[in-house]
Amino acid sequence: MTGPFMERYLKAAHMNEKQMLYVMNPNKIRIAEYLVDYHEKRGDSVIVFSDSVYSLLKYSERMQIPAIYGKTPQSERENILKNFRSEDGLAKTICLSKVSE
């Protein structure tokens, strides 16, 4: 974690705040971006998973990756998954919440 995030994390009284600081840690986001870029360049398919819908949507927005979570309409889910599974690589990476289980 960056210094300011770690400081606030250690002082946080509630577990929800600690979890949010952990998942939205700028270093973690940069590493996720690096890993997605690395694997996409290799031609790999990538799934970014998160238990937190808030962080999932932030990662999705920042990296311009489609996301599937509880409020994603069924037709949109099917379209995202179809593009992810396609051989022509329409979507090499997707973000998923627990809804995918």
PDB file of N, CA and C in Angstrom:
ATOM      1  N   MET A   1       0.840  -1.186   0.000  1.00  0.00           N
ATOM      2  CA  MET A   1       0.000   0.000   0.000  1.00  0.00           C
ATOM      3  C   MET A   1       0.879   1.242   0.000  1.00  0.00           C
ATOM      4  N   THR A   2       0.337   2.285  -0.554  1.00  0.00           N
ATOM      5  CA  THR A   2       1.037   3.565  -0.464  1.00  0.00           C
ATOM      6  C   THR A   2       1.000   4.028   0.993  1.00  0.00           C
ATOM      7  N   GLY A   3       1.900   4.906   1.369  1.00  0.00           N
ATOM      8  CA  GLY A   3       1.988   5.395   2.747  1.00  0.00           C
ATOM      9  C   GLY A   3       0.672   5.929   3.299  1.00  0.00           C
ATOM     10  N   PRO A   4       0.023   6.877   2.589  1.00  0.00           N
ATOM     11  CA  PRO A   4      -1.240   7.421   3.109  1.00  0.00           C
ATOM     12  C   PRO A   4      -2.332   6.359   3.256  1.00  0.00           C
ATOM     13  N   PHE A   5      -2.412   5.425   2.330  1.00  0.00           N
ATOM     14  CA  PHE A   5      -3.418   4.359   2.434  1.00  0.00           C
ATOM     15  C   PHE A   5      -3.110   3.464   3.631  1.00  0.00           C
ATOM     16  N   MET A   6      -1.844   3.123   3.831  1.00  0.00           N
ATOM     17  CA  MET A   6      -1.467   2.261   4.948  1.00  0.00           C
ATOM     18  C   MET A   6      -1.759   2.948   6.279  1.00  0.00           C
ATOM     19  N   GLU A   7      -1.452   4.230   6.364  1.00  0.00           N
ATOM     20  CA  GLU A   7      -1.712   4.987   7.589  1.00  0.00           C
ATOM     21  C   GLU A   7      -3.201   4.953   7.940  1.00  0.00           C
ATOM     22  N   ARG A   8      -4.023   5.233   6.953  1.00  0.00           N
ATOM     23  CA  ARG A   8      -5.472   5.246   7.186  1.00  0.00           C
ATOM     24  C   ARG A   8      -5.977   3.833   7.473  1.00  0.00           C
ATOM     25  N   TYR A   9      -5.429   2.849   6.783  1.00  0.00           N
ATOM     26  CA  TYR A   9      -5.816   1.445   6.989  1.00  0.00           C
ATOM     27  C   TYR A   9      -5.558   1.032   8.441  1.00  0.00           C
ATOM     28  N   LEU A  10      -4.391   1.375   8.962  1.00  0.00           N
ATOM     29  CA  LEU A  10      -4.034   0.996  10.324  1.00  0.00           C
ATOM     30  C   LEU A  10      -4.899   1.699  11.366  1.00  0.00           C
ATOM     31  N   LYS A  11      -5.399   2.891  11.032  1.00  0.00           N
ATOM     32  CA  LYS A  11      -6.231   3.661  11.964  1.00  0.00           C
ATOM     33  C   LYS A  11      -7.723   3.369  11.813  1.00  0.00           C
ATOM     34  N   ALA A  12      -8.108   2.690  10.751  1.00  0.00           N
ATOM     35  CA  ALA A  12      -9.530   2.439  10.481  1.00  0.00           C
ATOM     36  C   ALA A  12     -10.160   1.614  11.592  1.00  0.00           C
ATOM     37  N   ALA A  13     -11.336   2.051  12.029  1.00  0.00           N
ATOM     38  CA  ALA A  13     -12.033   1.357  13.114  1.00  0.00           C
ATOM     39  C   ALA A  13     -12.949   0.260  12.583  1.00  0.00           C
ATOM     40  N   HIS A  14     -13.438   0.438  11.365  1.00  0.00           N
ATOM     41  CA  HIS A  14     -14.407  -0.509  10.805  1.00  0.00           C
ATOM     42  C   HIS A  14     -13.781  -1.362   9.712  1.00  0.00           C
ATOM     43  N   MET A  15     -14.174  -2.625   9.687  1.00  0.00           N
ATOM     44  CA  MET A  15     -13.643  -3.564   8.700  1.00  0.00           C
ATOM     45  C   MET A  15     -14.009  -3.145   7.276  1.00  0.00           C
ATOM     46  N   ASN A  16     -15.189  -2.561   7.077  1.00  0.00           N
ATOM     47  CA  ASN A  16     -15.586  -2.117   5.737  1.00  0.00           C
ATOM     48  C   ASN A  16     -14.618  -1.076   5.186  1.00  0.00           C
ATOM     49  N   GLU A  17     -14.205  -0.151   6.047  1.00  0.00           N
ATOM     50  CA  GLU A  17     -13.252   0.871   5.612  1.00  0.00           C
ATOM     51  C   GLU A  17     -11.905   0.240   5.283  1.00  0.00           C
ATOM     52  N   LYS A  18     -11.468  -0.697   6.108  1.00  0.00           N
ATOM     53  CA  LYS A  18     -10.194  -1.380   5.849  1.00  0.00           C
ATOM     54  C   LYS A  18     -10.248  -2.128   4.516  1.00  0.00           C
ATOM     55  N   GLN A  19     -11.354  -2.821   4.277  1.00  0.00           N
ATOM     56  CA  GLN A  19     -11.484  -3.569   3.027  1.00  0.00           C
ATOM     57  C   GLN A  19     -11.461  -2.628   1.824  1.00  0.00           C
ATOM     58  N   MET A  20     -12.167  -1.495   1.912  1.00  0.00           N
ATOM     59  CA  MET A  20     -12.197  -0.553   0.794  1.00  0.00           C
ATOM     60  C   MET A  20     -10.799   0.023   0.534  1.00  0.00           C
ATOM     61  N   LEU A  21     -10.080   0.348   1.580  1.00  0.00           N
ATOM     62  CA  LEU A  21      -8.720   0.861   1.410  1.00  0.00           C
ATOM     63  C   LEU A  21      -7.815  -0.193   0.788  1.00  0.00           C
ATOM     64  N   TYR A  22      -8.029  -1.441   1.171  1.00  0.00           N
ATOM     65  CA  TYR A  22      -7.224  -2.532   0.631  1.00  0.00           C
ATOM     66  C   TYR A  22      -7.493  -2.737  -0.865  1.00  0.00           C
ATOM     67  N   VAL A  23      -8.764  -2.803  -1.245  1.00  0.00           N
ATOM     68  CA  VAL A  23      -9.067  -3.101  -2.650  1.00  0.00           C
ATOM     69  C   VAL A  23      -8.859  -1.910  -3.573  1.00  0.00           C
ATOM     70  N   MET A  24      -8.924  -0.686  -3.037  1.00  0.00           N
ATOM     71  CA  MET A  24      -8.736   0.500  -3.881  1.00  0.00           C
ATOM     72  C   MET A  24      -7.327   1.086  -3.749  1.00  0.00           C
ATOM     73  N   ASN A  25      -6.446   0.359  -3.153  1.00  0.00           N
ATOM     74  CA  ASN A  25      -5.047   0.748  -3.010  1.00  0.00           C
ATOM     75  C   ASN A  25      -4.452   1.043  -4.400  1.00  0.00           C
ATOM     76  N   PRO A  26      -3.905   2.236  -4.614  1.00  0.00           N
ATOM     77  CA  PRO A  26      -3.358   2.593  -5.933  1.00  0.00           C
ATOM     78  C   PRO A  26      -2.306   1.607  -6.449  1.00  0.00           C
ATOM     79  N   ASN A  27      -1.486   1.048  -5.565  1.00  0.00           N
ATOM     80  CA  ASN A  27      -0.487   0.074  -6.014  1.00  0.00           C
ATOM     81  C   ASN A  27      -1.153  -1.187  -6.550  1.00  0.00           C
ATOM     82  N   LYS A  28      -2.213  -1.619  -5.896  1.00  0.00           N
ATOM     83  CA  LYS A  28      -2.934  -2.808  -6.341  1.00  0.00           C
ATOM     84  C   LYS A  28      -3.571  -2.568  -7.709  1.00  0.00           C
ATOM     85  N   ILE A  29      -4.117  -1.380  -7.908  1.00  0.00           N
ATOM     86  CA  ILE A  29      -4.736  -1.038  -9.196  1.00  0.00           C
ATOM     87  C   ILE A  29      -3.678  -1.046 -10.300  1.00  0.00           C
ATOM     88  N   ARG A  30      -2.532  -0.440 -10.030  1.00  0.00           N
ATOM     89  CA  ARG A  30      -1.453  -0.409 -11.039  1.00  0.00           C
ATOM     90  C   ARG A  30      -0.977  -1.816 -11.382  1.00  0.00           C
ATOM     91  N   ILE A  31      -0.860  -2.665 -10.383  1.00  0.00           N
ATOM     92  CA  ILE A  31      -0.423  -4.046 -10.632  1.00  0.00           C
ATOM     93  C   ILE A  31      -1.475  -4.792 -11.448  1.00  0.00           C
ATOM     94  N   ALA A  32      -2.745  -4.587 -11.133  1.00  0.00           N
ATOM     95  CA  ALA A  32      -3.817  -5.221 -11.914  1.00  0.00           C
ATOM     96  C   ALA A  32      -3.750  -4.760 -13.368  1.00  0.00           C
ATOM     97  N   GLU A  33      -3.546  -3.465 -13.582  1.00  0.00           N
ATOM     98  CA  GLU A  33      -3.421  -2.947 -14.952  1.00  0.00           C
ATOM     99  C   GLU A  33      -2.236  -3.577 -15.672  1.00  0.00           C
ATOM    100  N   TYR A  34      -1.114  -3.676 -14.980  1.00  0.00           N
ATOM    101  CA  TYR A  34       0.076  -4.285 -15.567  1.00  0.00           C
ATOM    102  C   TYR A  34      -0.199  -5.737 -15.956  1.00  0.00           C
ATOM    103  N   LEU A  35      -0.796  -6.507 -15.045  1.00  0.00           N
ATOM    104  CA  LEU A  35      -1.058  -7.925 -15.308  1.00  0.00           C
ATOM    105  C   LEU A  35      -2.046  -8.112 -16.458  1.00  0.00           C
ATOM    106  N   VAL A  36      -3.089  -7.304 -16.503  1.00  0.00           N
ATOM    107  CA  VAL A  36      -4.054  -7.395 -17.607  1.00  0.00           C
ATOM    108  C   VAL A  36      -3.351  -7.095 -18.925  1.00  0.00           C
ATOM    109  N   ASP A  37      -2.572  -6.018 -18.960  1.00  0.00           N
ATOM    110  CA  ASP A  37      -1.850  -5.645 -20.182  1.00  0.00           C
ATOM    111  C   ASP A  37      -0.875  -6.747 -20.602  1.00  0.00           C
ATOM    112  N   TYR A  38      -0.123  -7.271 -19.653  1.00  0.00           N
ATOM    113  CA  TYR A  38       0.848  -8.332 -19.930  1.00  0.00           C
ATOM    114  C   TYR A  38       0.166  -9.549 -20.554  1.00  0.00           C
ATOM    115  N   HIS A  39      -0.905 -10.003 -19.936  1.00  0.00           N
ATOM    116  CA  HIS A  39      -1.580 -11.207 -20.414  1.00  0.00           C
ATOM    117  C   HIS A  39      -2.333 -10.975 -21.716  1.00  0.00           C
ATOM    118  N   GLU A  40      -2.914  -9.793 -21.888  1.00  0.00           N
ATOM    119  CA  GLU A  40      -3.577  -9.498 -23.171  1.00  0.00           C
ATOM    120  C   GLU A  40      -2.568  -9.508 -24.312  1.00  0.00           C
ATOM    121  N   LYS A  41      -1.383  -8.948 -24.082  1.00  0.00           N
ATOM    122  CA  LYS A  41      -0.345  -8.933 -25.119  1.00  0.00           C
ATOM    123  C   LYS A  41       0.107 -10.346 -25.484  1.00  0.00           C
ATOM    124  N   ARG A  42       0.018 -11.272 -24.538  1.00  0.00           N
ATOM    125  CA  ARG A  42       0.355 -12.681 -24.808  1.00  0.00           C
ATOM    126  C   ARG A  42      -0.777 -13.408 -25.511  1.00  0.00           C
ATOM    127  N   GLY A  43      -1.931 -12.766 -25.586  1.00  0.00           N
ATOM    128  CA  GLY A  43      -3.086 -13.394 -26.212  1.00  0.00           C
ATOM    129  C   GLY A  43      -3.947 -14.183 -25.236  1.00  0.00           C
ATOM    130  N   ASP A  44      -3.674 -14.027 -23.952  1.00  0.00           N
ATOM    131  CA  ASP A  44      -4.434 -14.740 -22.930  1.00  0.00           C
ATOM    132  C   ASP A  44      -5.798 -14.090 -22.706  1.00  0.00           C
ATOM    133  N   SER A  45      -6.725 -14.888 -22.233  1.00  0.00           N
ATOM    134  CA  SER A  45      -7.998 -14.374 -21.746  1.00  0.00           C
ATOM    135  C   SER A  45      -7.835 -14.107 -20.260  1.00  0.00           C
ATOM    136  N   VAL A  46      -8.424 -13.010 -19.784  1.00  0.00           N
ATOM    137  CA  VAL A  46      -8.227 -12.591 -18.403  1.00  0.00           C
ATOM    138  C   VAL A  46      -9.577 -12.308 -17.749  1.00  0.00           C
ATOM    139  N   ILE A  47      -9.731 -12.788 -16.516  1.00  0.00           N
ATOM    140  CA  ILE A  47     -10.904 -12.450 -15.713  1.00  0.00           C
ATOM    141  C   ILE A  47     -10.418 -11.723 -14.472  1.00  0.00           C
ATOM    142  N   VAL A  48     -10.910 -10.498 -14.281  1.00  0.00           N
ATOM    143  CA  VAL A  48     -10.619  -9.726 -13.081  1.00  0.00           C
ATOM    144  C   VAL A  48     -11.805  -9.938 -12.148  1.00  0.00           C
ATOM    145  N   PHE A  49     -11.558 -10.530 -10.986  1.00  0.00           N
ATOM    146  CA  PHE A  49     -12.624 -10.872 -10.059  1.00  0.00           C
ATOM    147  C   PHE A  49     -12.544  -9.993  -8.821  1.00  0.00           C
ATOM    148  N   SER A  50     -13.718  -9.596  -8.307  1.00  0.00           N
ATOM    149  CA  SER A  50     -13.753  -8.838  -7.064  1.00  0.00           C
ATOM    150  C   SER A  50     -15.033  -9.145  -6.299  1.00  0.00           C
ATOM    151  N   ASP A  51     -14.907  -9.250  -4.988  1.00  0.00           N
ATOM    152  CA  ASP A  51     -16.080  -9.401  -4.119  1.00  0.00           C
ATOM    153  C   ASP A  51     -16.802  -8.070  -3.947  1.00  0.00           C
ATOM    154  N   SER A  52     -16.104  -6.979  -4.152  1.00  0.00           N
ATOM    155  CA  SER A  52     -16.667  -5.647  -3.969  1.00  0.00           C
ATOM    156  C   SER A  52     -17.147  -5.098  -5.316  1.00  0.00           C
ATOM    157  N   VAL A  53     -18.451  -4.874  -5.429  1.00  0.00           N
ATOM    158  CA  VAL A  53     -19.005  -4.326  -6.680  1.00  0.00           C
ATOM    159  C   VAL A  53     -18.442  -2.933  -6.936  1.00  0.00           C
ATOM    160  N   TYR A  54     -18.273  -2.145  -5.886  1.00  0.00           N
ATOM    161  CA  TYR A  54     -17.722  -0.797  -6.042  1.00  0.00           C
ATOM    162  C   TYR A  54     -16.357  -0.854  -6.724  1.00  0.00           C
ATOM    163  N   SER A  55     -15.452  -1.679  -6.179  1.00  0.00           N
ATOM    164  CA  SER A  55     -14.108  -1.750  -6.769  1.00  0.00           C
ATOM    165  C   SER A  55     -14.158  -2.383  -8.156  1.00  0.00           C
ATOM    166  N   LEU A  56     -15.021  -3.369  -8.343  1.00  0.00           N
ATOM    167  CA  LEU A  56     -15.153  -4.007  -9.645  1.00  0.00           C
ATOM    168  C   LEU A  56     -15.509  -2.976 -10.721  1.00  0.00           C
ATOM    169  N   LEU A  57     -16.466  -2.128 -10.415  1.00  0.00           N
ATOM    170  CA  LEU A  57     -16.884  -1.104 -11.383  1.00  0.00           C
ATOM    171  C   LEU A  57     -15.802  -0.053 -11.602  1.00  0.00           C
ATOM    172  N   LYS A  58     -15.059   0.276 -10.563  1.00  0.00           N
ATOM    173  CA  LYS A  58     -13.958   1.239 -10.715  1.00  0.00           C
ATOM    174  C   LYS A  58     -12.838   0.658 -11.585  1.00  0.00           C
ATOM    175  N   TYR A  59     -12.488  -0.600 -11.354  1.00  0.00           N
ATOM    176  CA  TYR A  59     -11.468  -1.260 -12.180  1.00  0.00           C
ATOM    177  C   TYR A  59     -11.950  -1.350 -13.629  1.00  0.00           C
ATOM    178  N   SER A  60     -13.214  -1.737 -13.803  1.00  0.00           N
ATOM    179  CA  SER A  60     -13.799  -1.864 -15.132  1.00  0.00           C
ATOM    180  C   SER A  60     -13.744  -0.531 -15.881  1.00  0.00           C
ATOM    181  N   GLU A  61     -14.135   0.516 -15.191  1.00  0.00           N
ATOM    182  CA  GLU A  61     -14.135   1.852 -15.801  1.00  0.00           C
ATOM    183  C   GLU A  61     -12.718   2.311 -16.133  1.00  0.00           C
ATOM    184  N   ARG A  62     -11.825   2.164 -15.193  1.00  0.00           N
ATOM    185  CA  ARG A  62     -10.441   2.629 -15.388  1.00  0.00           C
ATOM    186  C   ARG A  62      -9.741   1.890 -16.524  1.00  0.00           C
ATOM    187  N   MET A  63      -9.963   0.566 -16.612  1.00  0.00           N
ATOM    188  CA  MET A  63      -9.280  -0.231 -17.634  1.00  0.00           C
ATOM    189  C   MET A  63     -10.133  -0.431 -18.879  1.00  0.00           C
ATOM    190  N   GLN A  64     -11.327   0.143 -18.896  1.00  0.00           N
ATOM    191  CA  GLN A  64     -12.248   0.037 -20.032  1.00  0.00           C
ATOM    192  C   GLN A  64     -12.505  -1.429 -20.393  1.00  0.00           C
ATOM    193  N   ILE A  65     -12.923  -2.177 -19.366  1.00  0.00           N
ATOM    194  CA  ILE A  65     -13.207  -3.600 -19.491  1.00  0.00           C
ATOM    195  C   ILE A  65     -14.677  -3.808 -19.126  1.00  0.00           C
ATOM    196  N   PRO A  66     -15.409  -4.610 -19.902  1.00  0.00           N
ATOM    197  CA  PRO A  66     -16.802  -4.868 -19.537  1.00  0.00           C
ATOM    198  C   PRO A  66     -16.902  -5.621 -18.204  1.00  0.00           C
ATOM    199  N   ALA A  67     -17.972  -5.309 -17.446  1.00  0.00           N
ATOM    200  CA  ALA A  67     -18.161  -5.922 -16.134  1.00  0.00           C
ATOM    201  C   ALA A  67     -19.516  -6.617 -16.050  1.00  0.00           C
ATOM    202  N   ILE A  68     -19.519  -7.715 -15.331  1.00  0.00           N
ATOM    203  CA  ILE A  68     -20.755  -8.444 -15.038  1.00  0.00           C
ATOM    204  C   ILE A  68     -20.901  -8.498 -13.521  1.00  0.00           C
ATOM    205  N   TYR A  69     -22.027  -7.961 -13.043  1.00  0.00           N
ATOM    206  CA  TYR A  69     -22.339  -8.003 -11.616  1.00  0.00           C
ATOM    207  C   TYR A  69     -23.853  -8.102 -11.482  1.00  0.00           C
ATOM    208  N   GLY A  70     -24.366  -8.090 -10.273  1.00  0.00           N
ATOM    209  CA  GLY A  70     -25.785  -8.343 -10.023  1.00  0.00           C
ATOM    210  C   GLY A  70     -26.762  -7.556 -10.870  1.00  0.00           C
ATOM    211  N   LYS A  71     -26.498  -6.286 -11.140  1.00  0.00           N
ATOM    212  CA  LYS A  71     -27.435  -5.432 -11.878  1.00  0.00           C
ATOM    213  C   LYS A  71     -27.246  -5.483 -13.396  1.00  0.00           C
ATOM    214  N   THR A  72     -26.296  -6.276 -13.875  1.00  0.00           N
ATOM    215  CA  THR A  72     -26.083  -6.388 -15.321  1.00  0.00           C
ATOM    216  C   THR A  72     -27.246  -7.176 -15.923  1.00  0.00           C
ATOM    217  N   PRO A  73     -27.960  -6.583 -16.885  1.00  0.00           N
ATOM    218  CA  PRO A  73     -29.080  -7.299 -17.510  1.00  0.00           C
ATOM    219  C   PRO A  73     -28.613  -8.594 -18.180  1.00  0.00           C
ATOM    220  N   GLN A  74     -29.487  -9.586 -18.189  1.00  0.00           N
ATOM    221  CA  GLN A  74     -29.158 -10.907 -18.738  1.00  0.00           C
ATOM    222  C   GLN A  74     -28.659 -10.817 -20.178  1.00  0.00           C
ATOM    223  N   SER A  75     -29.297 -10.002 -21.001  1.00  0.00           N
ATOM    224  CA  SER A  75     -28.879  -9.901 -22.404  1.00  0.00           C
ATOM    225  C   SER A  75     -27.468  -9.325 -22.518  1.00  0.00           C
ATOM    226  N   GLU A  76     -27.141  -8.365 -21.649  1.00  0.00           N
ATOM    227  CA  GLU A  76     -25.794  -7.780 -21.657  1.00  0.00           C
ATOM    228  C   GLU A  76     -24.762  -8.804 -21.169  1.00  0.00           C
ATOM    229  N   ARG A  77     -25.128  -9.583 -20.153  1.00  0.00           N
ATOM    230  CA  ARG A  77     -24.233 -10.641 -19.659  1.00  0.00           C
ATOM    231  C   ARG A  77     -23.904 -11.620 -20.775  1.00  0.00           C
ATOM    232  N   GLU A  78     -24.946 -12.059 -21.468  1.00  0.00           N
ATOM    233  CA  GLU A  78     -24.758 -13.017 -22.555  1.00  0.00           C
ATOM    234  C   GLU A  78     -23.865 -12.443 -23.647  1.00  0.00           C
ATOM    235  N   ASN A  79     -24.052 -11.172 -23.967  1.00  0.00           N
ATOM    236  CA  ASN A  79     -23.246 -10.521 -25.002  1.00  0.00           C
ATOM    237  C   ASN A  79     -21.781 -10.415 -24.570  1.00  0.00           C
ATOM    238  N   ILE A  80     -21.557 -10.008 -23.334  1.00  0.00           N
ATOM    239  CA  ILE A  80     -20.180  -9.899 -22.820  1.00  0.00           C
ATOM    240  C   ILE A  80     -19.490 -11.261 -22.843  1.00  0.00           C
ATOM    241  N   LEU A  81     -20.182 -12.288 -22.360  1.00  0.00           N
ATOM    242  CA  LEU A  81     -19.591 -13.630 -22.330  1.00  0.00           C
ATOM    243  C   LEU A  81     -19.366 -14.186 -23.725  1.00  0.00           C
ATOM    244  N   LYS A  82     -20.280 -13.905 -24.645  1.00  0.00           N
ATOM    245  CA  LYS A  82     -20.105 -14.339 -26.039  1.00  0.00           C
ATOM    246  C   LYS A  82     -18.852 -13.706 -26.634  1.00  0.00           C
ATOM    247  N   ASN A  83     -18.670 -12.415 -26.404  1.00  0.00           N
ATOM    248  CA  ASN A  83     -17.486 -11.720 -26.917  1.00  0.00           C
ATOM    249  C   ASN A  83     -16.207 -12.219 -26.248  1.00  0.00           C
ATOM    250  N   PHE A  84     -16.292 -12.554 -24.973  1.00  0.00           N
ATOM    251  CA  PHE A  84     -15.128 -13.064 -24.246  1.00  0.00           C
ATOM    252  C   PHE A  84     -14.709 -14.439 -24.763  1.00  0.00           C
ATOM    253  N   ARG A  85     -15.686 -15.255 -25.092  1.00  0.00           N
ATOM    254  CA  ARG A  85     -15.400 -16.619 -25.562  1.00  0.00           C
ATOM    255  C   ARG A  85     -15.048 -16.679 -27.051  1.00  0.00           C
ATOM    256  N   SER A  86     -15.292 -15.616 -27.781  1.00  0.00           N
ATOM    257  CA  SER A  86     -15.090 -15.656 -29.228  1.00  0.00           C
ATOM    258  C   SER A  86     -13.615 -15.778 -29.586  1.00  0.00           C
ATOM    259  N   GLU A  87     -13.361 -16.437 -30.681  1.00  0.00           N
ATOM    260  CA  GLU A  87     -11.993 -16.654 -31.161  1.00  0.00           C
ATOM    261  C   GLU A  87     -11.356 -15.376 -31.692  1.00  0.00           C
ATOM    262  N   ASP A  88     -12.162 -14.415 -32.139  1.00  0.00           N
ATOM    263  CA  ASP A  88     -11.599 -13.196 -32.720  1.00  0.00           C
ATOM    264  C   ASP A  88     -11.207 -12.154 -31.678  1.00  0.00           C
ATOM    265  N   GLY A  89     -11.336 -12.489 -30.400  1.00  0.00           N
ATOM    266  CA  GLY A  89     -10.845 -11.614 -29.334  1.00  0.00           C
ATOM    267  C   GLY A  89     -11.586 -10.316 -29.174  1.00  0.00           C
ATOM    268  N   LEU A  90     -12.905 -10.323 -29.320  1.00  0.00           N
ATOM    269  CA  LEU A  90     -13.677  -9.092 -29.149  1.00  0.00           C
ATOM    270  C   LEU A  90     -13.548  -8.538 -27.737  1.00  0.00           C
ATOM    271  N   ALA A  91     -13.411  -9.404 -26.765  1.00  0.00           N
ATOM    272  CA  ALA A  91     -13.192  -8.992 -25.370  1.00  0.00           C
ATOM    273  C   ALA A  91     -12.230  -9.987 -24.747  1.00  0.00           C
ATOM    274  N   LYS A  92     -10.967  -9.597 -24.617  1.00  0.00           N
ATOM    275  CA  LYS A  92      -9.965 -10.495 -24.048  1.00  0.00           C
ATOM    276  C   LYS A  92     -10.052 -10.540 -22.529  1.00  0.00           C
ATOM    277  N   THR A  93     -10.623  -9.492 -21.946  1.00  0.00           N
ATOM    278  CA  THR A  93     -10.671  -9.374 -20.500  1.00  0.00           C
ATOM    279  C   THR A  93     -12.064  -8.944 -20.065  1.00  0.00           C
ATOM    280  N   ILE A  94     -12.532  -9.534 -18.956  1.00  0.00           N
ATOM    281  CA  ILE A  94     -13.801  -9.120 -18.365  1.00  0.00           C
ATOM    282  C   ILE A  94     -13.627  -9.021 -16.852  1.00  0.00           C
ATOM    283  N   CYS A  95     -14.487  -8.222 -16.247  1.00  0.00           N
ATOM    284  CA  CYS A  95     -14.525  -8.104 -14.791  1.00  0.00           C
ATOM    285  C   CYS A  95     -15.776  -8.821 -14.293  1.00  0.00           C
ATOM    286  N   LEU A  96     -15.611  -9.642 -13.255  1.00  0.00           N
ATOM    287  CA  LEU A  96     -16.732 -10.412 -12.715  1.00  0.00           C
ATOM    288  C   LEU A  96     -16.851 -10.216 -11.203  1.00  0.00           C
ATOM    289  N   SER A  97     -18.086 -10.149 -10.754  1.00  0.00           N
ATOM    290  CA  SER A  97     -18.344 -10.164  -9.316  1.00  0.00           C
ATOM    291  C   SER A  97     -18.800 -11.570  -8.937  1.00  0.00           C
ATOM    292  N   LYS A  98     -19.252 -11.742  -7.717  1.00  0.00           N
ATOM    293  CA  LYS A  98     -19.703 -13.046  -7.245  1.00  0.00           C
ATOM    294  C   LYS A  98     -20.891 -13.572  -8.054  1.00  0.00           C
ATOM    295  N   VAL A  99     -21.530 -12.720  -8.822  1.00  0.00           N
ATOM    296  CA  VAL A  99     -22.687 -13.133  -9.608  1.00  0.00           C
ATOM    297  C   VAL A  99     -22.341 -14.252 -10.583  1.00  0.00           C
ATOM    298  N   SER A 100     -21.061 -14.378 -10.922  1.00  0.00           N
ATOM    299  CA  SER A 100     -20.635 -15.373 -11.889  1.00  0.00           C
ATOM    300  C   SER A 100     -20.604 -16.783 -11.315  1.00  0.00           C
ATOM    301  N   GLU A 101     -20.725 -16.920  -9.997  1.00  0.00           N
ATOM    302  CA  GLU A 101     -20.632 -18.233  -9.356  1.00  0.00           C
ATOM    303  C   GLU A 101     -21.833 -19.087  -9.671  1.00  0.00           C
TER     304      GLU A 101
END
